[in-house]
Amino acid sequence: MLQAIARVGRWGRVALTQLSLWSLCAIVVLMVVDVVGRKLFDRPLLGGVELVEQLLLVSVYAAIPLVSRARGHINIELFDTFVPARLQSWRHALGEAFCGVLMVACAWLVAHHAVDTHQNGDTTTLLRISLWPLEALVAVLLLMDGLSHFVAMREEPEGAVA
C-alpha cells in the first residue's frame, strides 16, 4: 500500500512539474509572439493577455503542492524557541494539520465558485473562454496541496531531536 502511494506521489510530482513548466513555456511563447506582433507588424496577439492570465493561474497553482511537499515555504520561527524539543513533532503536526485544513477549505470554496461560474456561463471577455474548468483545476490543485500537508504531518520536522 505504501509503495502504491509512493508511486502515485512520484507520478503526481512529475505531472505537476510538467504542467507548471509547460504553462510557463507557453506564456513565454505567447509574450514573444505578442511583442513581435506589436513591434514589427503593429498587430498585437488577439486575446494574448487573457491567455497569459489563464496560463499563469495554472502555473502558479500547479507549483503550490510541489513547494509544500518540498517544504519550500518561508518559515518564521517565532515560537520554536518557546516549544520544548520533545514537543517539536507535535508542533509540526499541528502546523501541518492547520495548513491542510486551510487548503482543503480553500479548495472547497474555489470548487463551489467553479460550480457557480459554470451555472452562470461566465467566460473571458475577448476570447469567450469558459472560466469554470480552470477554477475546477485550481480547486483540485488546492486539494492536492491540503492532502500533501496531511501526509507531511506524519513526517519528522526538519531539525527535530529524536
N, C-alpha and C. Protein backbone atom coordinates (compact mmCIF):
# COMPACT_ATOMS: atom_id res chain seq x y z
N MET A 1 0.83 -1.20 0.00
CA MET A 1 0.00 0.00 0.00
C MET A 1 0.87 1.26 0.00
N LEU A 2 1.88 1.28 0.87
CA LEU A 2 2.75 2.45 0.93
C LEU A 2 3.54 2.63 -0.36
N GLN A 3 3.91 1.51 -1.00
CA GLN A 3 4.61 1.61 -2.27
C GLN A 3 3.71 2.21 -3.35
N ALA A 4 2.44 1.85 -3.33
CA ALA A 4 1.49 2.42 -4.29
C ALA A 4 1.34 3.92 -4.08
N ILE A 5 1.25 4.33 -2.83
CA ILE A 5 1.14 5.76 -2.51
C ILE A 5 2.41 6.48 -2.95
N ALA A 6 3.56 5.86 -2.74
CA ALA A 6 4.82 6.48 -3.17
C ALA A 6 4.88 6.63 -4.68
N ARG A 7 4.39 5.61 -5.42
CA ARG A 7 4.37 5.70 -6.88
C ARG A 7 3.46 6.82 -7.35
N VAL A 8 2.28 6.92 -6.75
CA VAL A 8 1.34 7.99 -7.10
C VAL A 8 1.96 9.34 -6.76
N GLY A 9 2.64 9.42 -5.63
CA GLY A 9 3.29 10.67 -5.25
C GLY A 9 4.36 11.08 -6.25
N ARG A 10 5.16 10.11 -6.69
CA ARG A 10 6.19 10.43 -7.70
C ARG A 10 5.55 10.86 -9.01
N TRP A 11 4.50 10.13 -9.43
CA TRP A 11 3.80 10.48 -10.66
C TRP A 11 3.18 11.87 -10.54
N GLY A 12 2.60 12.15 -9.39
CA GLY A 12 1.99 13.46 -9.16
C GLY A 12 2.99 14.59 -9.23
N ARG A 13 4.17 14.39 -8.63
CA ARG A 13 5.21 15.42 -8.69
C ARG A 13 5.65 15.67 -10.13
N VAL A 14 5.83 14.59 -10.88
CA VAL A 14 6.24 14.74 -12.29
C VAL A 14 5.14 15.47 -13.07
N ALA A 15 3.90 15.07 -12.87
CA ALA A 15 2.79 15.69 -13.61
C ALA A 15 2.66 17.17 -13.28
N LEU A 16 2.75 17.52 -11.99
CA LEU A 16 2.63 18.92 -11.61
C LEU A 16 3.81 19.74 -12.10
N THR A 17 5.00 19.16 -12.05
CA THR A 17 6.17 19.86 -12.56
C THR A 17 6.02 20.13 -14.06
N GLN A 18 5.57 19.12 -14.80
CA GLN A 18 5.39 19.30 -16.24
C GLN A 18 4.30 20.32 -16.54
N LEU A 19 3.21 20.28 -15.80
CA LEU A 19 2.12 21.23 -16.00
C LEU A 19 2.60 22.66 -15.78
N SER A 20 3.32 22.87 -14.69
CA SER A 20 3.83 24.21 -14.39
C SER A 20 4.87 24.64 -15.43
N LEU A 21 5.75 23.73 -15.80
CA LEU A 21 6.81 24.03 -16.77
C LEU A 21 6.23 24.41 -18.13
N TRP A 22 5.31 23.59 -18.65
CA TRP A 22 4.76 23.85 -19.98
C TRP A 22 3.86 25.08 -19.98
N SER A 23 3.24 25.37 -18.86
CA SER A 23 2.46 26.61 -18.77
C SER A 23 3.37 27.82 -18.89
N LEU A 24 4.51 27.77 -18.19
CA LEU A 24 5.46 28.88 -18.28
C LEU A 24 6.04 29.00 -19.68
N CYS A 25 6.33 27.87 -20.32
CA CYS A 25 6.85 27.91 -21.70
C CYS A 25 5.82 28.54 -22.63
N ALA A 26 4.56 28.17 -22.47
CA ALA A 26 3.51 28.75 -23.32
C ALA A 26 3.38 30.25 -23.08
N ILE A 27 3.54 30.68 -21.83
CA ILE A 27 3.49 32.11 -21.52
C ILE A 27 4.61 32.84 -22.26
N VAL A 28 5.81 32.28 -22.22
CA VAL A 28 6.94 32.92 -22.89
C VAL A 28 6.69 33.01 -24.39
N VAL A 29 6.21 31.93 -24.99
CA VAL A 29 5.93 31.94 -26.43
C VAL A 29 4.86 32.98 -26.76
N LEU A 30 3.80 33.01 -25.99
CA LEU A 30 2.74 34.00 -26.24
C LEU A 30 3.25 35.43 -26.11
N MET A 31 4.08 35.67 -25.11
CA MET A 31 4.62 37.01 -24.91
C MET A 31 5.53 37.41 -26.08
N VAL A 32 6.36 36.49 -26.55
CA VAL A 32 7.24 36.78 -27.69
C VAL A 32 6.41 37.07 -28.94
N VAL A 33 5.41 36.24 -29.20
CA VAL A 33 4.56 36.46 -30.38
C VAL A 33 3.84 37.80 -30.26
N ASP A 34 3.36 38.13 -29.07
CA ASP A 34 2.65 39.39 -28.87
C ASP A 34 3.58 40.59 -29.09
N VAL A 35 4.77 40.54 -28.52
CA VAL A 35 5.72 41.65 -28.66
C VAL A 35 6.18 41.80 -30.10
N VAL A 36 6.50 40.69 -30.75
CA VAL A 36 6.92 40.75 -32.16
C VAL A 36 5.77 41.30 -33.02
N GLY A 37 4.55 40.84 -32.73
CA GLY A 37 3.40 41.34 -33.48
C GLY A 37 3.19 42.83 -33.28
N ARG A 38 3.39 43.30 -32.07
CA ARG A 38 3.20 44.73 -31.78
C ARG A 38 4.30 45.57 -32.45
N LYS A 39 5.53 45.14 -32.31
CA LYS A 39 6.66 45.96 -32.76
C LYS A 39 6.88 45.89 -34.27
N LEU A 40 6.79 44.70 -34.85
CA LEU A 40 7.11 44.57 -36.27
C LEU A 40 5.91 44.75 -37.19
N PHE A 41 4.74 44.29 -36.74
CA PHE A 41 3.58 44.30 -37.63
C PHE A 41 2.46 45.22 -37.15
N ASP A 42 2.67 45.87 -36.02
CA ASP A 42 1.67 46.76 -35.44
C ASP A 42 0.34 46.04 -35.21
N ARG A 43 0.43 44.72 -34.91
CA ARG A 43 -0.75 43.90 -34.65
C ARG A 43 -0.49 43.02 -33.44
N PRO A 44 -1.03 43.37 -32.28
CA PRO A 44 -0.83 42.50 -31.11
C PRO A 44 -1.58 41.19 -31.26
N LEU A 45 -1.21 40.23 -30.46
CA LEU A 45 -1.88 38.93 -30.44
C LEU A 45 -3.25 39.10 -29.80
N LEU A 46 -4.28 38.82 -30.55
CA LEU A 46 -5.64 38.98 -30.07
C LEU A 46 -5.90 38.01 -28.91
N GLY A 47 -6.25 38.54 -27.76
CA GLY A 47 -6.53 37.72 -26.59
C GLY A 47 -5.28 37.22 -25.87
N GLY A 48 -4.13 37.74 -26.24
CA GLY A 48 -2.89 37.29 -25.62
C GLY A 48 -2.87 37.49 -24.12
N VAL A 49 -3.38 38.61 -23.66
CA VAL A 49 -3.39 38.89 -22.23
C VAL A 49 -4.28 37.89 -21.49
N GLU A 50 -5.43 37.58 -22.05
CA GLU A 50 -6.32 36.60 -21.42
C GLU A 50 -5.66 35.23 -21.33
N LEU A 51 -5.00 34.82 -22.40
CA LEU A 51 -4.32 33.52 -22.40
C LEU A 51 -3.19 33.48 -21.38
N VAL A 52 -2.42 34.56 -21.31
CA VAL A 52 -1.32 34.62 -20.33
C VAL A 52 -1.88 34.56 -18.91
N GLU A 53 -2.96 35.26 -18.65
CA GLU A 53 -3.58 35.21 -17.32
C GLU A 53 -3.98 33.79 -16.94
N GLN A 54 -4.61 33.09 -17.87
CA GLN A 54 -5.06 31.72 -17.60
C GLN A 54 -3.88 30.78 -17.39
N LEU A 55 -2.86 30.91 -18.22
CA LEU A 55 -1.68 30.05 -18.09
C LEU A 55 -0.90 30.36 -16.81
N LEU A 56 -0.85 31.62 -16.42
CA LEU A 56 -0.17 31.98 -15.18
C LEU A 56 -0.89 31.38 -13.98
N LEU A 57 -2.21 31.38 -14.03
CA LEU A 57 -3.00 30.76 -12.98
C LEU A 57 -2.65 29.28 -12.86
N VAL A 58 -2.59 28.58 -13.98
CA VAL A 58 -2.25 27.16 -13.98
C VAL A 58 -0.83 26.95 -13.44
N SER A 59 0.10 27.74 -13.90
CA SER A 59 1.50 27.57 -13.50
C SER A 59 1.69 27.78 -12.00
N VAL A 60 1.10 28.81 -11.46
CA VAL A 60 1.26 29.11 -10.03
C VAL A 60 0.60 28.04 -9.17
N TYR A 61 -0.63 27.69 -9.47
CA TYR A 61 -1.34 26.73 -8.62
C TYR A 61 -0.83 25.31 -8.79
N ALA A 62 -0.23 24.99 -9.93
CA ALA A 62 0.38 23.66 -10.09
C ALA A 62 1.65 23.56 -9.24
N ALA A 63 2.31 24.68 -9.00
CA ALA A 63 3.55 24.66 -8.24
C ALA A 63 3.32 24.65 -6.72
N ILE A 64 2.16 25.07 -6.26
CA ILE A 64 1.93 25.16 -4.81
C ILE A 64 2.07 23.81 -4.11
N PRO A 65 1.46 22.72 -4.59
CA PRO A 65 1.68 21.44 -3.90
C PRO A 65 3.14 20.99 -3.94
N LEU A 66 3.85 21.32 -5.01
CA LEU A 66 5.27 20.96 -5.10
C LEU A 66 6.09 21.69 -4.05
N VAL A 67 5.81 22.97 -3.88
CA VAL A 67 6.54 23.77 -2.89
C VAL A 67 6.23 23.27 -1.49
N SER A 68 4.97 22.95 -1.23
CA SER A 68 4.60 22.45 0.10
C SER A 68 5.28 21.12 0.40
N ARG A 69 5.30 20.22 -0.57
CA ARG A 69 5.93 18.90 -0.36
C ARG A 69 7.42 19.03 -0.13
N ALA A 70 8.04 19.99 -0.80
CA ALA A 70 9.49 20.20 -0.65
C ALA A 70 9.82 21.06 0.56
N ARG A 71 8.78 21.46 1.31
CA ARG A 71 8.94 22.36 2.45
C ARG A 71 9.69 23.62 2.04
N GLY A 72 9.24 24.17 0.93
CA GLY A 72 9.90 25.34 0.37
C GLY A 72 9.28 26.67 0.77
N HIS A 73 8.27 26.63 1.61
CA HIS A 73 7.64 27.88 2.05
C HIS A 73 8.53 28.58 3.08
N ILE A 74 8.33 29.85 3.22
CA ILE A 74 9.06 30.62 4.22
C ILE A 74 8.56 30.24 5.61
N ASN A 75 9.49 29.98 6.49
CA ASN A 75 9.14 29.65 7.88
C ASN A 75 9.63 30.75 8.80
N ILE A 76 8.74 31.22 9.63
CA ILE A 76 9.11 32.21 10.64
C ILE A 76 9.10 31.48 11.98
N GLU A 77 10.23 31.41 12.58
CA GLU A 77 10.39 30.58 13.78
C GLU A 77 10.24 31.41 15.05
N LEU A 78 9.10 32.09 15.18
CA LEU A 78 8.87 32.92 16.36
C LEU A 78 8.68 32.09 17.62
N PHE A 79 7.95 30.99 17.50
CA PHE A 79 7.57 30.23 18.67
C PHE A 79 8.43 28.99 18.88
N ASP A 80 9.33 28.70 17.95
CA ASP A 80 10.13 27.48 18.06
C ASP A 80 11.01 27.47 19.30
N THR A 81 11.49 28.63 19.72
CA THR A 81 12.36 28.67 20.89
C THR A 81 11.57 28.44 22.19
N PHE A 82 10.26 28.70 22.15
CA PHE A 82 9.45 28.51 23.35
C PHE A 82 8.92 27.09 23.49
N VAL A 83 8.96 26.33 22.41
CA VAL A 83 8.43 24.96 22.43
C VAL A 83 9.57 24.01 22.79
N PRO A 84 9.39 23.23 23.85
CA PRO A 84 10.44 22.27 24.22
C PRO A 84 10.73 21.29 23.09
N ALA A 85 11.94 20.79 23.04
CA ALA A 85 12.38 19.90 21.96
C ALA A 85 11.49 18.66 21.85
N ARG A 86 11.03 18.16 22.99
CA ARG A 86 10.23 16.94 22.96
C ARG A 86 8.83 17.18 22.37
N LEU A 87 8.41 18.46 22.27
CA LEU A 87 7.10 18.78 21.70
C LEU A 87 7.19 19.30 20.27
N GLN A 88 8.39 19.35 19.69
CA GLN A 88 8.55 19.88 18.34
C GLN A 88 7.75 19.07 17.32
N SER A 89 7.72 17.76 17.47
CA SER A 89 6.98 16.95 16.50
C SER A 89 5.47 17.24 16.59
N TRP A 90 4.98 17.49 17.79
CA TRP A 90 3.56 17.85 17.95
C TRP A 90 3.27 19.20 17.32
N ARG A 91 4.17 20.17 17.54
CA ARG A 91 4.00 21.49 16.94
C ARG A 91 3.99 21.38 15.41
N HIS A 92 4.91 20.56 14.90
CA HIS A 92 4.98 20.35 13.45
C HIS A 92 3.67 19.73 12.95
N ALA A 93 3.19 18.71 13.61
CA ALA A 93 1.97 18.02 13.18
C ALA A 93 0.76 18.97 13.23
N LEU A 94 0.68 19.77 14.29
CA LEU A 94 -0.44 20.72 14.39
C LEU A 94 -0.36 21.79 13.30
N GLY A 95 0.84 22.27 13.01
CA GLY A 95 1.00 23.26 11.94
C GLY A 95 0.61 22.69 10.58
N GLU A 96 1.04 21.46 10.32
CA GLU A 96 0.68 20.83 9.04
C GLU A 96 -0.82 20.56 8.97
N ALA A 97 -1.41 20.14 10.08
CA ALA A 97 -2.85 19.90 10.11
C ALA A 97 -3.62 21.19 9.85
N PHE A 98 -3.19 22.28 10.47
CA PHE A 98 -3.83 23.58 10.26
C PHE A 98 -3.75 23.98 8.79
N CYS A 99 -2.55 23.87 8.20
CA CYS A 99 -2.38 24.22 6.78
C CYS A 99 -3.21 23.30 5.89
N GLY A 100 -3.26 22.02 6.23
CA GLY A 100 -4.05 21.08 5.44
C GLY A 100 -5.53 21.42 5.47
N VAL A 101 -6.06 21.70 6.65
CA VAL A 101 -7.47 22.06 6.77
C VAL A 101 -7.74 23.37 6.01
N LEU A 102 -6.83 24.32 6.13
CA LEU A 102 -6.99 25.60 5.44
C LEU A 102 -7.02 25.41 3.92
N MET A 103 -6.12 24.59 3.40
CA MET A 103 -6.07 24.37 1.95
C MET A 103 -7.28 23.58 1.44
N VAL A 104 -7.74 22.62 2.22
CA VAL A 104 -8.94 21.87 1.83
C VAL A 104 -10.16 22.80 1.85
N ALA A 105 -10.23 23.68 2.84
CA ALA A 105 -11.33 24.65 2.88
C ALA A 105 -11.27 25.60 1.68
N CYS A 106 -10.07 26.04 1.32
CA CYS A 106 -9.92 26.89 0.13
C CYS A 106 -10.34 26.14 -1.13
N ALA A 107 -9.96 24.86 -1.20
CA ALA A 107 -10.35 24.04 -2.36
C ALA A 107 -11.87 23.94 -2.45
N TRP A 108 -12.51 23.75 -1.31
CA TRP A 108 -13.97 23.66 -1.30
C TRP A 108 -14.59 24.98 -1.77
N LEU A 109 -14.08 26.11 -1.29
CA LEU A 109 -14.62 27.41 -1.70
C LEU A 109 -14.43 27.65 -3.19
N VAL A 110 -13.25 27.31 -3.71
CA VAL A 110 -12.99 27.51 -5.14
C VAL A 110 -13.86 26.57 -5.97
N ALA A 111 -14.04 25.32 -5.50
CA ALA A 111 -14.91 24.38 -6.22
C ALA A 111 -16.35 24.89 -6.25
N HIS A 112 -16.80 25.42 -5.14
CA HIS A 112 -18.15 25.99 -5.07
C HIS A 112 -18.27 27.16 -6.06
N HIS A 113 -17.24 27.99 -6.12
CA HIS A 113 -17.24 29.11 -7.06
C HIS A 113 -17.22 28.61 -8.50
N ALA A 114 -16.49 27.53 -8.76
CA ALA A 114 -16.45 26.95 -10.11
C ALA A 114 -17.83 26.46 -10.54
N VAL A 115 -18.57 25.87 -9.61
CA VAL A 115 -19.93 25.42 -9.93
C VAL A 115 -20.81 26.62 -10.26
N ASP A 116 -20.70 27.67 -9.45
CA ASP A 116 -21.47 28.89 -9.73
C ASP A 116 -21.10 29.48 -11.08
N THR A 117 -19.81 29.50 -11.38
CA THR A 117 -19.34 30.04 -12.65
C THR A 117 -19.88 29.22 -13.81
N HIS A 118 -19.90 27.91 -13.64
CA HIS A 118 -20.43 27.03 -14.69
C HIS A 118 -21.92 27.29 -14.90
N GLN A 119 -22.66 27.42 -13.82
CA GLN A 119 -24.11 27.65 -13.92
C GLN A 119 -24.41 29.01 -14.55
N ASN A 120 -23.55 30.00 -14.27
CA ASN A 120 -23.75 31.34 -14.83
C ASN A 120 -23.23 31.47 -16.26
N GLY A 121 -22.40 30.51 -16.68
CA GLY A 121 -21.83 30.57 -18.03
C GLY A 121 -20.78 31.65 -18.20
N ASP A 122 -20.06 31.98 -17.13
CA ASP A 122 -19.06 33.04 -17.19
C ASP A 122 -17.89 32.66 -18.10
N THR A 123 -17.45 33.64 -18.90
CA THR A 123 -16.34 33.44 -19.83
C THR A 123 -15.40 34.65 -19.75
N THR A 124 -14.25 34.50 -20.40
CA THR A 124 -13.36 35.65 -20.52
C THR A 124 -13.99 36.66 -21.47
N THR A 125 -13.53 37.88 -21.42
CA THR A 125 -14.16 38.97 -22.16
C THR A 125 -13.98 38.84 -23.67
N LEU A 126 -12.76 38.64 -24.12
CA LEU A 126 -12.48 38.70 -25.54
C LEU A 126 -12.62 37.36 -26.25
N LEU A 127 -11.97 36.33 -25.72
CA LEU A 127 -11.96 35.04 -26.39
C LEU A 127 -13.11 34.12 -25.99
N ARG A 128 -13.88 34.54 -24.99
CA ARG A 128 -15.02 33.75 -24.52
C ARG A 128 -14.63 32.35 -24.05
N ILE A 129 -13.49 32.27 -23.37
CA ILE A 129 -13.03 31.01 -22.79
C ILE A 129 -13.83 30.78 -21.50
N SER A 130 -14.42 29.62 -21.38
CA SER A 130 -15.18 29.30 -20.17
C SER A 130 -14.24 29.27 -18.97
N LEU A 131 -14.65 29.88 -17.88
CA LEU A 131 -13.78 30.01 -16.70
C LEU A 131 -13.85 28.82 -15.75
N TRP A 132 -14.95 28.09 -15.75
CA TRP A 132 -15.13 27.06 -14.72
C TRP A 132 -14.10 25.93 -14.80
N PRO A 133 -13.63 25.49 -15.98
CA PRO A 133 -12.66 24.40 -15.96
C PRO A 133 -11.35 24.77 -15.24
N LEU A 134 -10.89 26.00 -15.45
CA LEU A 134 -9.68 26.41 -14.75
C LEU A 134 -9.90 26.57 -13.25
N GLU A 135 -11.08 27.05 -12.89
CA GLU A 135 -11.39 27.16 -11.46
C GLU A 135 -11.48 25.77 -10.83
N ALA A 136 -12.04 24.82 -11.56
CA ALA A 136 -12.09 23.45 -11.04
C ALA A 136 -10.68 22.87 -10.90
N LEU A 137 -9.81 23.16 -11.87
CA LEU A 137 -8.43 22.71 -11.78
C LEU A 137 -7.73 23.31 -10.56
N VAL A 138 -7.96 24.58 -10.31
CA VAL A 138 -7.37 25.22 -9.13
C VAL A 138 -7.89 24.55 -7.86
N ALA A 139 -9.16 24.21 -7.82
CA ALA A 139 -9.71 23.52 -6.65
C ALA A 139 -9.02 22.18 -6.43
N VAL A 140 -8.80 21.44 -7.51
CA VAL A 140 -8.11 20.15 -7.40
C VAL A 140 -6.68 20.34 -6.91
N LEU A 141 -6.00 21.35 -7.45
CA LEU A 141 -4.61 21.60 -7.04
C LEU A 141 -4.53 22.04 -5.58
N LEU A 142 -5.48 22.84 -5.12
CA LEU A 142 -5.52 23.22 -3.71
C LEU A 142 -5.81 22.01 -2.82
N LEU A 143 -6.69 21.13 -3.29
CA LEU A 143 -6.96 19.91 -2.55
C LEU A 143 -5.70 19.05 -2.45
N MET A 144 -4.97 18.94 -3.55
CA MET A 144 -3.70 18.19 -3.53
C MET A 144 -2.73 18.79 -2.53
N ASP A 145 -2.69 20.12 -2.47
CA ASP A 145 -1.80 20.78 -1.50
C ASP A 145 -2.24 20.46 -0.08
N GLY A 146 -3.55 20.52 0.17
CA GLY A 146 -4.04 20.18 1.50
C GLY A 146 -3.69 18.76 1.89
N LEU A 147 -3.85 17.83 0.95
CA LEU A 147 -3.50 16.43 1.23
C LEU A 147 -2.01 16.26 1.47
N SER A 148 -1.20 17.05 0.76
CA SER A 148 0.25 16.95 0.98
C SER A 148 0.61 17.40 2.39
N HIS A 149 -0.13 18.36 2.93
CA HIS A 149 0.12 18.78 4.31
C HIS A 149 -0.27 17.67 5.29
N PHE A 150 -1.35 16.96 5.00
CA PHE A 150 -1.74 15.86 5.87
C PHE A 150 -0.71 14.73 5.84
N VAL A 151 -0.14 14.47 4.67
CA VAL A 151 0.93 13.48 4.57
C VAL A 151 2.15 13.94 5.37
N ALA A 152 2.46 15.23 5.28
CA ALA A 152 3.64 15.78 5.98
C ALA A 152 3.47 15.75 7.50
N MET A 153 2.24 15.64 7.99
CA MET A 153 2.03 15.57 9.44
C MET A 153 2.75 14.37 10.04
N ARG A 154 2.82 13.29 9.30
CA ARG A 154 3.40 12.04 9.82
C ARG A 154 4.92 12.02 9.72
N GLU A 155 5.51 12.99 9.03
CA GLU A 155 6.95 13.05 8.86
C GLU A 155 7.57 13.85 10.00
N GLU A 156 8.81 13.56 10.27
CA GLU A 156 9.53 14.30 11.30
C GLU A 156 9.86 15.70 10.78
N PRO A 157 9.73 16.70 11.64
CA PRO A 157 10.10 18.06 11.21
C PRO A 157 11.61 18.15 11.00
N GLU A 158 12.02 19.11 10.15
CA GLU A 158 13.44 19.32 9.93
C GLU A 158 14.09 19.80 11.22
N GLY A 159 15.22 19.24 11.51
CA GLY A 159 15.97 19.62 12.71
C GLY A 159 15.38 19.08 14.00
N ALA A 160 14.49 18.09 13.91
CA ALA A 160 13.87 17.54 15.10
C ALA A 160 14.87 16.68 15.86
N VAL A 161 14.72 16.70 17.16
CA VAL A 161 15.56 15.85 18.03
C VAL A 161 14.80 14.57 18.27
N ALA A 162 15.37 13.45 17.86
CA ALA A 162 14.68 12.16 18.03
C ALA A 162 14.98 11.53 19.35
